[in-house]
């Protein structure tokens, strides 16, 4: 198990690319990418496509990693357990059915 930031860092290291090159391709500051890799900041949704393209990753799989991090960080400091996620899963299904 790893965070989105850790996953991105590993992709970059495995590709042998410096942080500044990836940041330039994403049109962001290298320090921001470093903070994302260290889980001090969260990536934006817009970065997912660029990261997928740069590292030749499946965008939907990358999106899953990104969204799961966002959810985890939202509830990490709450007094919540797996039951909250089960209720949220049902609520997502309900809300999606209302949209269609």
PDB file of N, CA and C in Angstrom:
ATOM      1  N   UNK A   1       0.857  -1.172   0.000  1.00  0.00           N
ATOM      2  CA  UNK A   1       0.000   0.000   0.000  1.00  0.00           C
ATOM      3  C   UNK A   1       0.900   1.231   0.000  1.00  0.00           C
ATOM      4  N   UNK A   2       0.554   2.190  -0.826  1.00  0.00           N
ATOM      5  CA  UNK A   2       1.315   3.436  -0.883  1.00  0.00           C
ATOM      6  C   UNK A   2       0.385   4.588  -1.224  1.00  0.00           C
ATOM      7  N   UNK A   3       0.820   5.777  -0.893  1.00  0.00           N
ATOM      8  CA  UNK A   3       0.026   6.956  -1.206  1.00  0.00           C
ATOM      9  C   UNK A   3       0.227   7.332  -2.666  1.00  0.00           C
ATOM     10  N   UNK A   4      -0.612   8.224  -3.138  1.00  0.00           N
ATOM     11  CA  UNK A   4      -0.493   8.717  -4.504  1.00  0.00           C
ATOM     12  C   UNK A   4       0.872   9.379  -4.701  1.00  0.00           C
ATOM     13  N   UNK A   5       1.280  10.196  -3.747  1.00  0.00           N
ATOM     14  CA  UNK A   5       2.569  10.869  -3.838  1.00  0.00           C
ATOM     15  C   UNK A   5       3.735   9.894  -3.893  1.00  0.00           C
ATOM     16  N   UNK A   6       3.686   8.871  -3.054  1.00  0.00           N
ATOM     17  CA  UNK A   6       4.740   7.853  -3.059  1.00  0.00           C
ATOM     18  C   UNK A   6       4.778   7.114  -4.394  1.00  0.00           C
ATOM     19  N   UNK A   7       3.606   6.854  -4.936  1.00  0.00           N
ATOM     20  CA  UNK A   7       3.519   6.161  -6.224  1.00  0.00           C
ATOM     21  C   UNK A   7       4.141   7.004  -7.340  1.00  0.00           C
ATOM     22  N   UNK A   8       3.824   8.291  -7.347  1.00  0.00           N
ATOM     23  CA  UNK A   8       4.374   9.192  -8.360  1.00  0.00           C
ATOM     24  C   UNK A   8       5.892   9.278  -8.222  1.00  0.00           C
ATOM     25  N   UNK A   9       6.372   9.398  -6.994  1.00  0.00           N
ATOM     26  CA  UNK A   9       7.818   9.456  -6.769  1.00  0.00           C
ATOM     27  C   UNK A   9       8.492   8.194  -7.310  1.00  0.00           C
ATOM     28  N   UNK A  10       7.892   7.045  -7.041  1.00  0.00           N
ATOM     29  CA  UNK A  10       8.493   5.789  -7.508  1.00  0.00           C
ATOM     30  C   UNK A  10       8.496   5.716  -9.033  1.00  0.00           C
ATOM     31  N   UNK A  11       7.436   6.170  -9.670  1.00  0.00           N
ATOM     32  CA  UNK A  11       7.408   6.206 -11.135  1.00  0.00           C
ATOM     33  C   UNK A  11       8.547   7.072 -11.664  1.00  0.00           C
ATOM     34  N   UNK A  12       8.723   8.235 -11.054  1.00  0.00           N
ATOM     35  CA  UNK A  12       9.767   9.164 -11.491  1.00  0.00           C
ATOM     36  C   UNK A  12      11.159   8.572 -11.289  1.00  0.00           C
ATOM     37  N   UNK A  13      11.389   7.979 -10.143  1.00  0.00           N
ATOM     38  CA  UNK A  13      12.693   7.375  -9.849  1.00  0.00           C
ATOM     39  C   UNK A  13      12.960   6.220 -10.803  1.00  0.00           C
ATOM     40  N   UNK A  14      11.962   5.372 -11.009  1.00  0.00           N
ATOM     41  CA  UNK A  14      12.133   4.228 -11.921  1.00  0.00           C
ATOM     42  C   UNK A  14      12.436   4.682 -13.349  1.00  0.00           C
ATOM     43  N   UNK A  15      11.895   5.844 -13.724  1.00  0.00           N
ATOM     44  CA  UNK A  15      12.150   6.381 -15.066  1.00  0.00           C
ATOM     45  C   UNK A  15      13.488   7.118 -15.127  1.00  0.00           C
ATOM     46  N   UNK A  16      14.105   7.320 -13.966  1.00  0.00           N
ATOM     47  CA  UNK A  16      15.386   8.008 -13.917  1.00  0.00           C
ATOM     48  C   UNK A  16      15.287   9.483 -14.277  1.00  0.00           C
ATOM     49  N   UNK A  17      14.159  10.094 -13.943  1.00  0.00           N
ATOM     50  CA  UNK A  17      13.929  11.488 -14.302  1.00  0.00           C
ATOM     51  C   UNK A  17      14.011  12.394 -13.074  1.00  0.00           C
ATOM     52  N   UNK A  18      14.660  13.546 -13.216  1.00  0.00           N
ATOM     53  CA  UNK A  18      14.707  14.490 -12.097  1.00  0.00           C
ATOM     54  C   UNK A  18      13.353  15.169 -11.904  1.00  0.00           C
ATOM     55  N   UNK A  19      13.107  15.570 -10.692  1.00  0.00           N
ATOM     56  CA  UNK A  19      11.820  16.179 -10.344  1.00  0.00           C
ATOM     57  C   UNK A  19      11.535  17.420 -11.186  1.00  0.00           C
ATOM     58  N   UNK A  20      12.566  18.192 -11.503  1.00  0.00           N
ATOM     59  CA  UNK A  20      12.365  19.430 -12.268  1.00  0.00           C
ATOM     60  C   UNK A  20      11.858  19.154 -13.680  1.00  0.00           C
ATOM     61  N   UNK A  21      12.268  18.027 -14.291  1.00  0.00           N
ATOM     62  CA  UNK A  21      11.796  17.704 -15.646  1.00  0.00           C
ATOM     63  C   UNK A  21      10.311  17.340 -15.638  1.00  0.00           C
ATOM     64  N   UNK A  22       9.931  16.552 -14.659  1.00  0.00           N
ATOM     65  CA  UNK A  22       8.512  16.164 -14.568  1.00  0.00           C
ATOM     66  C   UNK A  22       7.664  17.394 -14.254  1.00  0.00           C
ATOM     67  N   UNK A  23       8.135  18.212 -13.318  1.00  0.00           N
ATOM     68  CA  UNK A  23       7.399  19.424 -12.958  1.00  0.00           C
ATOM     69  C   UNK A  23       7.233  20.328 -14.177  1.00  0.00           C
ATOM     70  N   UNK A  24       8.277  20.472 -14.969  1.00  0.00           N
ATOM     71  CA  UNK A  24       8.198  21.317 -16.169  1.00  0.00           C
ATOM     72  C   UNK A  24       7.160  20.771 -17.140  1.00  0.00           C
ATOM     73  N   UNK A  25       7.114  19.458 -17.314  1.00  0.00           N
ATOM     74  CA  UNK A  25       6.132  18.862 -18.219  1.00  0.00           C
ATOM     75  C   UNK A  25       4.704  19.050 -17.704  1.00  0.00           C
ATOM     76  N   UNK A  26       4.559  19.121 -16.379  1.00  0.00           N
ATOM     77  CA  UNK A  26       3.239  19.338 -15.778  1.00  0.00           C
ATOM     78  C   UNK A  26       2.916  20.822 -15.645  1.00  0.00           C
ATOM     79  N   UNK A  27       3.892  21.675 -15.981  1.00  0.00           N
ATOM     80  CA  UNK A  27       3.756  23.120 -15.873  1.00  0.00           C
ATOM     81  C   UNK A  27       3.471  23.552 -14.433  1.00  0.00           C
ATOM     82  N   UNK A  28       4.224  22.943 -13.500  1.00  0.00           N
ATOM     83  CA  UNK A  28       4.143  23.322 -12.093  1.00  0.00           C
ATOM     84  C   UNK A  28       5.560  23.519 -11.567  1.00  0.00           C
ATOM     85  N   UNK A  29       5.673  24.122 -10.419  1.00  0.00           N
ATOM     86  CA  UNK A  29       6.962  24.332  -9.782  1.00  0.00           C
ATOM     87  C   UNK A  29       7.496  23.008  -9.224  1.00  0.00           C
ATOM     88  N   UNK A  30       8.795  22.801  -9.319  1.00  0.00           N
ATOM     89  CA  UNK A  30       9.409  21.566  -8.817  1.00  0.00           C
ATOM     90  C   UNK A  30       9.171  21.390  -7.321  1.00  0.00           C
ATOM     91  N   UNK A  31       9.148  22.507  -6.580  1.00  0.00           N
ATOM     92  CA  UNK A  31       8.905  22.391  -5.135  1.00  0.00           C
ATOM     93  C   UNK A  31       7.491  21.885  -4.847  1.00  0.00           C
ATOM     94  N   UNK A  32       6.524  22.259  -5.678  1.00  0.00           N
ATOM     95  CA  UNK A  32       5.159  21.762  -5.507  1.00  0.00           C
ATOM     96  C   UNK A  32       5.118  20.259  -5.757  1.00  0.00           C
ATOM     97  N   UNK A  33       5.774  19.807  -6.810  1.00  0.00           N
ATOM     98  CA  UNK A  33       5.803  18.369  -7.081  1.00  0.00           C
ATOM     99  C   UNK A  33       6.490  17.629  -5.942  1.00  0.00           C
ATOM    100  N   UNK A  34       7.539  18.194  -5.394  1.00  0.00           N
ATOM    101  CA  UNK A  34       8.208  17.578  -4.250  1.00  0.00           C
ATOM    102  C   UNK A  34       7.280  17.446  -3.058  1.00  0.00           C
ATOM    103  N   UNK A  35       6.481  18.477  -2.803  1.00  0.00           N
ATOM    104  CA  UNK A  35       5.521  18.417  -1.691  1.00  0.00           C
ATOM    105  C   UNK A  35       4.438  17.370  -1.954  1.00  0.00           C
ATOM    106  N   UNK A  36       4.043  17.235  -3.207  1.00  0.00           N
ATOM    107  CA  UNK A  36       3.053  16.199  -3.556  1.00  0.00           C
ATOM    108  C   UNK A  36       3.653  14.822  -3.321  1.00  0.00           C
ATOM    109  N   UNK A  37       4.887  14.627  -3.754  1.00  0.00           N
ATOM    110  CA  UNK A  37       5.552  13.334  -3.558  1.00  0.00           C
ATOM    111  C   UNK A  37       5.731  13.005  -2.080  1.00  0.00           C
ATOM    112  N   UNK A  38       5.906  14.029  -1.244  1.00  0.00           N
ATOM    113  CA  UNK A  38       6.087  13.818   0.200  1.00  0.00           C
ATOM    114  C   UNK A  38       4.760  13.846   0.961  1.00  0.00           C
ATOM    115  N   UNK A  39       3.664  13.921   0.227  1.00  0.00           N
ATOM    116  CA  UNK A  39       2.319  13.938   0.814  1.00  0.00           C
ATOM    117  C   UNK A  39       2.066  15.150   1.696  1.00  0.00           C
ATOM    118  N   UNK A  40       2.748  16.233   1.392  1.00  0.00           N
ATOM    119  CA  UNK A  40       2.517  17.478   2.106  1.00  0.00           C
ATOM    120  C   UNK A  40       1.458  18.318   1.413  1.00  0.00           C
ATOM    121  N   UNK A  41       1.213  18.033   0.151  1.00  0.00           N
ATOM    122  CA  UNK A  41       0.173  18.675  -0.653  1.00  0.00           C
ATOM    123  C   UNK A  41      -0.476  17.599  -1.501  1.00  0.00           C
ATOM    124  N   UNK A  42      -1.698  17.836  -1.900  1.00  0.00           N
ATOM    125  CA  UNK A  42      -2.372  16.901  -2.795  1.00  0.00           C
ATOM    126  C   UNK A  42      -2.294  17.432  -4.223  1.00  0.00           C
ATOM    127  N   UNK A  43      -2.164  16.516  -5.138  1.00  0.00           N
ATOM    128  CA  UNK A  43      -2.177  16.883  -6.554  1.00  0.00           C
ATOM    129  C   UNK A  43      -3.558  17.407  -6.910  1.00  0.00           C
ATOM    130  N   UNK A  44      -3.634  18.162  -7.974  1.00  0.00           N
ATOM    131  CA  UNK A  44      -4.939  18.600  -8.463  1.00  0.00           C
ATOM    132  C   UNK A  44      -5.456  17.545  -9.440  1.00  0.00           C
ATOM    133  N   UNK A  45      -6.740  17.553  -9.639  1.00  0.00           N
ATOM    134  CA  UNK A  45      -7.361  16.603 -10.569  1.00  0.00           C
ATOM    135  C   UNK A  45      -6.787  16.774 -11.974  1.00  0.00           C
ATOM    136  N   UNK A  46      -6.441  18.007 -12.317  1.00  0.00           N
ATOM    137  CA  UNK A  46      -5.927  18.301 -13.651  1.00  0.00           C
ATOM    138  C   UNK A  46      -4.564  17.660 -13.908  1.00  0.00           C
ATOM    139  N   UNK A  47      -3.812  17.390 -12.863  1.00  0.00           N
ATOM    140  CA  UNK A  47      -2.480  16.801 -13.026  1.00  0.00           C
ATOM    141  C   UNK A  47      -2.524  15.328 -13.435  1.00  0.00           C
ATOM    142  N   UNK A  48      -3.624  14.664 -13.192  1.00  0.00           N
ATOM    143  CA  UNK A  48      -3.717  13.222 -13.423  1.00  0.00           C
ATOM    144  C   UNK A  48      -3.458  12.866 -14.882  1.00  0.00           C
ATOM    145  N   UNK A  49      -4.077  13.577 -15.800  1.00  0.00           N
ATOM    146  CA  UNK A  49      -3.874  13.289 -17.227  1.00  0.00           C
ATOM    147  C   UNK A  49      -2.416  13.454 -17.618  1.00  0.00           C
ATOM    148  N   UNK A  50      -1.799  14.525 -17.147  1.00  0.00           N
ATOM    149  CA  UNK A  50      -0.399  14.768 -17.464  1.00  0.00           C
ATOM    150  C   UNK A  50       0.519  13.702 -16.902  1.00  0.00           C
ATOM    151  N   UNK A  51       0.272  13.307 -15.678  1.00  0.00           N
ATOM    152  CA  UNK A  51       1.086  12.266 -15.042  1.00  0.00           C
ATOM    153  C   UNK A  51       0.913  10.942 -15.781  1.00  0.00           C
ATOM    154  N   UNK A  52      -0.325  10.625 -16.137  1.00  0.00           N
ATOM    155  CA  UNK A  52      -0.592   9.389 -16.883  1.00  0.00           C
ATOM    156  C   UNK A  52       0.150   9.389 -18.215  1.00  0.00           C
ATOM    157  N   UNK A  53       0.119  10.523 -18.900  1.00  0.00           N
ATOM    158  CA  UNK A  53       0.795  10.637 -20.203  1.00  0.00           C
ATOM    159  C   UNK A  53       2.315  10.523 -20.047  1.00  0.00           C
ATOM    160  N   UNK A  54       2.876  11.241 -19.111  1.00  0.00           N
ATOM    161  CA  UNK A  54       4.331  11.256 -18.918  1.00  0.00           C
ATOM    162  C   UNK A  54       4.860   9.868 -18.604  1.00  0.00           C
ATOM    163  N   UNK A  55       4.168   9.156 -17.716  1.00  0.00           N
ATOM    164  CA  UNK A  55       4.659   7.850 -17.265  1.00  0.00           C
ATOM    165  C   UNK A  55       3.983   6.677 -17.961  1.00  0.00           C
ATOM    166  N   UNK A  56       3.192   6.983 -18.992  1.00  0.00           N
ATOM    167  CA  UNK A  56       2.487   5.957 -19.753  1.00  0.00           C
ATOM    168  C   UNK A  56       1.697   5.021 -18.837  1.00  0.00           C
ATOM    169  N   UNK A  57       0.876   5.638 -17.992  1.00  0.00           N
ATOM    170  CA  UNK A  57       0.040   4.914 -17.041  1.00  0.00           C
ATOM    171  C   UNK A  57      -1.416   5.000 -17.479  1.00  0.00           C
ATOM    172  N   UNK A  58      -2.207   4.041 -17.057  1.00  0.00           N
ATOM    173  CA  UNK A  58      -3.636   4.073 -17.312  1.00  0.00           C
ATOM    174  C   UNK A  58      -4.251   5.204 -16.476  1.00  0.00           C
ATOM    175  N   UNK A  59      -4.878   6.138 -17.131  1.00  0.00           N
ATOM    176  CA  UNK A  59      -5.409   7.308 -16.435  1.00  0.00           C
ATOM    177  C   UNK A  59      -6.468   6.934 -15.404  1.00  0.00           C
ATOM    178  N   UNK A  60      -7.301   5.957 -15.707  1.00  0.00           N
ATOM    179  CA  UNK A  60      -8.348   5.560 -14.759  1.00  0.00           C
ATOM    180  C   UNK A  60      -7.762   4.929 -13.502  1.00  0.00           C
ATOM    181  N   UNK A  61      -6.712   4.139 -13.656  1.00  0.00           N
ATOM    182  CA  UNK A  61      -6.059   3.541 -12.493  1.00  0.00           C
ATOM    183  C   UNK A  61      -5.391   4.621 -11.644  1.00  0.00           C
ATOM    184  N   UNK A  62      -4.768   5.571 -12.301  1.00  0.00           N
ATOM    185  CA  UNK A  62      -4.137   6.680 -11.599  1.00  0.00           C
ATOM    186  C   UNK A  62      -5.192   7.510 -10.873  1.00  0.00           C
ATOM    187  N   UNK A  63      -6.323   7.700 -11.511  1.00  0.00           N
ATOM    188  CA  UNK A  63      -7.423   8.435 -10.893  1.00  0.00           C
ATOM    189  C   UNK A  63      -7.921   7.722  -9.636  1.00  0.00           C
ATOM    190  N   UNK A  64      -7.985   6.404  -9.662  1.00  0.00           N
ATOM    191  CA  UNK A  64      -8.394   5.637  -8.477  1.00  0.00           C
ATOM    192  C   UNK A  64      -7.440   5.874  -7.323  1.00  0.00           C
ATOM    193  N   UNK A  65      -6.142   5.838  -7.604  1.00  0.00           N
ATOM    194  CA  UNK A  65      -5.143   6.082  -6.557  1.00  0.00           C
ATOM    195  C   UNK A  65      -5.299   7.501  -6.000  1.00  0.00           C
ATOM    196  N   UNK A  66      -5.495   8.456  -6.887  1.00  0.00           N
ATOM    197  CA  UNK A  66      -5.654   9.856  -6.494  1.00  0.00           C
ATOM    198  C   UNK A  66      -6.903  10.046  -5.618  1.00  0.00           C
ATOM    199  N   UNK A  67      -8.041   9.536  -6.083  1.00  0.00           N
ATOM    200  CA  UNK A  67      -9.295   9.719  -5.347  1.00  0.00           C
ATOM    201  C   UNK A  67      -9.291   8.978  -4.019  1.00  0.00           C
ATOM    202  N   UNK A  68      -8.691   7.802  -3.984  1.00  0.00           N
ATOM    203  CA  UNK A  68      -8.645   7.068  -2.718  1.00  0.00           C
ATOM    204  C   UNK A  68      -7.813   7.832  -1.692  1.00  0.00           C
ATOM    205  N   UNK A  69      -6.745   8.492  -2.129  1.00  0.00           N
ATOM    206  CA  UNK A  69      -5.967   9.345  -1.229  1.00  0.00           C
ATOM    207  C   UNK A  69      -6.821  10.500  -0.715  1.00  0.00           C
ATOM    208  N   UNK A  70      -7.547  11.142  -1.607  1.00  0.00           N
ATOM    209  CA  UNK A  70      -8.376  12.281  -1.198  1.00  0.00           C
ATOM    210  C   UNK A  70      -9.400  11.861  -0.148  1.00  0.00           C
ATOM    211  N   UNK A  71     -10.013  10.699  -0.363  1.00  0.00           N
ATOM    212  CA  UNK A  71     -11.005  10.205   0.595  1.00  0.00           C
ATOM    213  C   UNK A  71     -10.326   9.877   1.923  1.00  0.00           C
ATOM    214  N   UNK A  72      -9.209   9.180   1.858  1.00  0.00           N
ATOM    215  CA  UNK A  72      -8.499   8.791   3.075  1.00  0.00           C
ATOM    216  C   UNK A  72      -8.082  10.013   3.893  1.00  0.00           C
ATOM    217  N   UNK A  73      -7.537  11.029   3.213  1.00  0.00           N
ATOM    218  CA  UNK A  73      -7.117  12.238   3.920  1.00  0.00           C
ATOM    219  C   UNK A  73      -8.296  13.010   4.502  1.00  0.00           C
ATOM    220  N   UNK A  74      -9.461  12.906   3.866  1.00  0.00           N
ATOM    221  CA  UNK A  74     -10.652  13.589   4.385  1.00  0.00           C
ATOM    222  C   UNK A  74     -11.117  12.990   5.713  1.00  0.00           C
ATOM    223  N   UNK A  75     -10.997  11.663   5.857  1.00  0.00           N
ATOM    224  CA  UNK A  75     -11.556  11.032   7.060  1.00  0.00           C
ATOM    225  C   UNK A  75     -10.500  10.577   8.073  1.00  0.00           C
ATOM    226  N   UNK A  76      -9.226  10.772   7.767  1.00  0.00           N
ATOM    227  CA  UNK A  76      -8.177  10.255   8.639  1.00  0.00           C
ATOM    228  C   UNK A  76      -8.257  10.801  10.064  1.00  0.00           C
ATOM    229  N   UNK A  77      -8.644  12.039  10.215  1.00  0.00           N
ATOM    230  CA  UNK A  77      -8.701  12.643  11.545  1.00  0.00           C
ATOM    231  C   UNK A  77     -10.086  12.616  12.164  1.00  0.00           C
ATOM    232  N   UNK A  78     -10.996  11.944  11.512  1.00  0.00           N
ATOM    233  CA  UNK A  78     -12.354  11.809  12.039  1.00  0.00           C
ATOM    234  C   UNK A  78     -12.449  10.523  12.860  1.00  0.00           C
ATOM    235  N   UNK A  79     -13.421  10.478  13.732  1.00  0.00           N
ATOM    236  CA  UNK A  79     -13.682   9.262  14.495  1.00  0.00           C
ATOM    237  C   UNK A  79     -14.580   8.381  13.628  1.00  0.00           C
ATOM    238  N   UNK A  80     -13.966   7.777  12.606  1.00  0.00           N
ATOM    239  CA  UNK A  80     -14.723   7.005  11.630  1.00  0.00           C
ATOM    240  C   UNK A  80     -14.081   5.637  11.438  1.00  0.00           C
ATOM    241  N   UNK A  81     -14.869   4.706  10.961  1.00  0.00           N
ATOM    242  CA  UNK A  81     -14.341   3.379  10.667  1.00  0.00           C
ATOM    243  C   UNK A  81     -14.848   2.926   9.302  1.00  0.00           C
ATOM    244  N   UNK A  82     -14.672   1.662   9.008  1.00  0.00           N
ATOM    245  CA  UNK A  82     -15.032   1.125   7.696  1.00  0.00           C
ATOM    246  C   UNK A  82     -16.531   1.275   7.421  1.00  0.00           C
ATOM    247  N   UNK A  83     -17.352   1.325   8.453  1.00  0.00           N
ATOM    248  CA  UNK A  83     -18.792   1.484   8.259  1.00  0.00           C
ATOM    249  C   UNK A  83     -19.119   2.804   7.564  1.00  0.00           C
ATOM    250  N   UNK A  84     -18.345   3.845   7.851  1.00  0.00           N
ATOM    251  CA  UNK A  84     -18.554   5.134   7.190  1.00  0.00           C
ATOM    252  C   UNK A  84     -18.338   4.990   5.689  1.00  0.00           C
ATOM    253  N   UNK A  85     -17.309   4.249   5.320  1.00  0.00           N
ATOM    254  CA  UNK A  85     -17.034   4.049   3.897  1.00  0.00           C
ATOM    255  C   UNK A  85     -18.124   3.217   3.234  1.00  0.00           C
ATOM    256  N   UNK A  86     -18.677   2.264   3.948  1.00  0.00           N
ATOM    257  CA  UNK A  86     -19.768   1.460   3.400  1.00  0.00           C
ATOM    258  C   UNK A  86     -21.002   2.324   3.147  1.00  0.00           C
ATOM    259  N   UNK A  87     -21.303   3.206   4.079  1.00  0.00           N
ATOM    260  CA  UNK A  87     -22.439   4.116   3.907  1.00  0.00           C
ATOM    261  C   UNK A  87     -22.155   5.063   2.740  1.00  0.00           C
ATOM    262  N   UNK A  88     -20.928   5.565   2.664  1.00  0.00           N
ATOM    263  CA  UNK A  88     -20.558   6.465   1.573  1.00  0.00           C
ATOM    264  C   UNK A  88     -20.683   5.775   0.223  1.00  0.00           C
ATOM    265  N   UNK A  89     -20.322   4.500   0.158  1.00  0.00           N
ATOM    266  CA  UNK A  89     -20.435   3.745  -1.093  1.00  0.00           C
ATOM    267  C   UNK A  89     -21.896   3.681  -1.546  1.00  0.00           C
ATOM    268  N   UNK A  90     -22.776   3.420  -0.607  1.00  0.00           N
ATOM    269  CA  UNK A  90     -24.205   3.372  -0.933  1.00  0.00           C
ATOM    270  C   UNK A  90     -24.710   4.748  -1.359  1.00  0.00           C
ATOM    271  N   UNK A  91     -24.206   5.781  -0.678  1.00  0.00           N
ATOM    272  CA  UNK A  91     -24.636   7.136  -1.004  1.00  0.00           C
ATOM    273  C   UNK A  91     -24.171   7.532  -2.399  1.00  0.00           C
ATOM    274  N   UNK A  92     -22.979   7.142  -2.783  1.00  0.00           N
ATOM    275  CA  UNK A  92     -22.467   7.431  -4.122  1.00  0.00           C
ATOM    276  C   UNK A  92     -23.366   6.764  -5.170  1.00  0.00           C
ATOM    277  N   UNK A  93     -23.710   5.507  -4.923  1.00  0.00           N
ATOM    278  CA  UNK A  93     -24.604   4.792  -5.861  1.00  0.00           C
ATOM    279  C   UNK A  93     -25.947   5.507  -5.968  1.00  0.00           C
ATOM    280  N   UNK A  94     -26.479   5.936  -4.821  1.00  0.00           N
ATOM    281  CA  UNK A  94     -27.752   6.656  -4.825  1.00  0.00           C
ATOM    282  C   UNK A  94     -27.645   7.962  -5.612  1.00  0.00           C
ATOM    283  N   UNK A  95     -26.616   8.739  -5.322  1.00  0.00           N
ATOM    284  CA  UNK A  95     -26.454  10.024  -5.983  1.00  0.00           C
ATOM    285  C   UNK A  95     -26.234   9.860  -7.486  1.00  0.00           C
ATOM    286  N   UNK A  96     -25.492   8.846  -7.883  1.00  0.00           N
ATOM    287  CA  UNK A  96     -25.295   8.597  -9.310  1.00  0.00           C
ATOM    288  C   UNK A  96     -26.614   8.240  -9.986  1.00  0.00           C
ATOM    289  N   UNK A  97     -27.467   7.484  -9.292  1.00  0.00           N
ATOM    290  CA  UNK A  97     -28.758   7.104  -9.879  1.00  0.00           C
ATOM    291  C   UNK A  97     -29.661   8.327 -10.036  1.00  0.00           C
ATOM    292  N   UNK A  98     -29.506   9.315  -9.181  1.00  0.00           N
ATOM    293  CA  UNK A  98     -30.314  10.533  -9.271  1.00  0.00           C
ATOM    294  C   UNK A  98     -29.874  11.400 -10.440  1.00  0.00           C
ATOM    295  N   UNK A  99     -28.596  11.318 -10.797  1.00  0.00           N
ATOM    296  CA  UNK A  99     -28.040  12.129 -11.880  1.00  0.00           C
ATOM    297  C   UNK A  99     -28.490  11.595 -13.231  1.00  0.00           C
ATOM    298  N   UNK A 100     -28.611  10.288 -13.369  1.00  0.00           N
ATOM    299  CA  UNK A 100     -28.939   9.654 -14.664  1.00  0.00           C
ATOM    300  C   UNK A 100     -30.344   9.841 -15.048  1.00  0.00           C
TER     301      UNK A 100
END
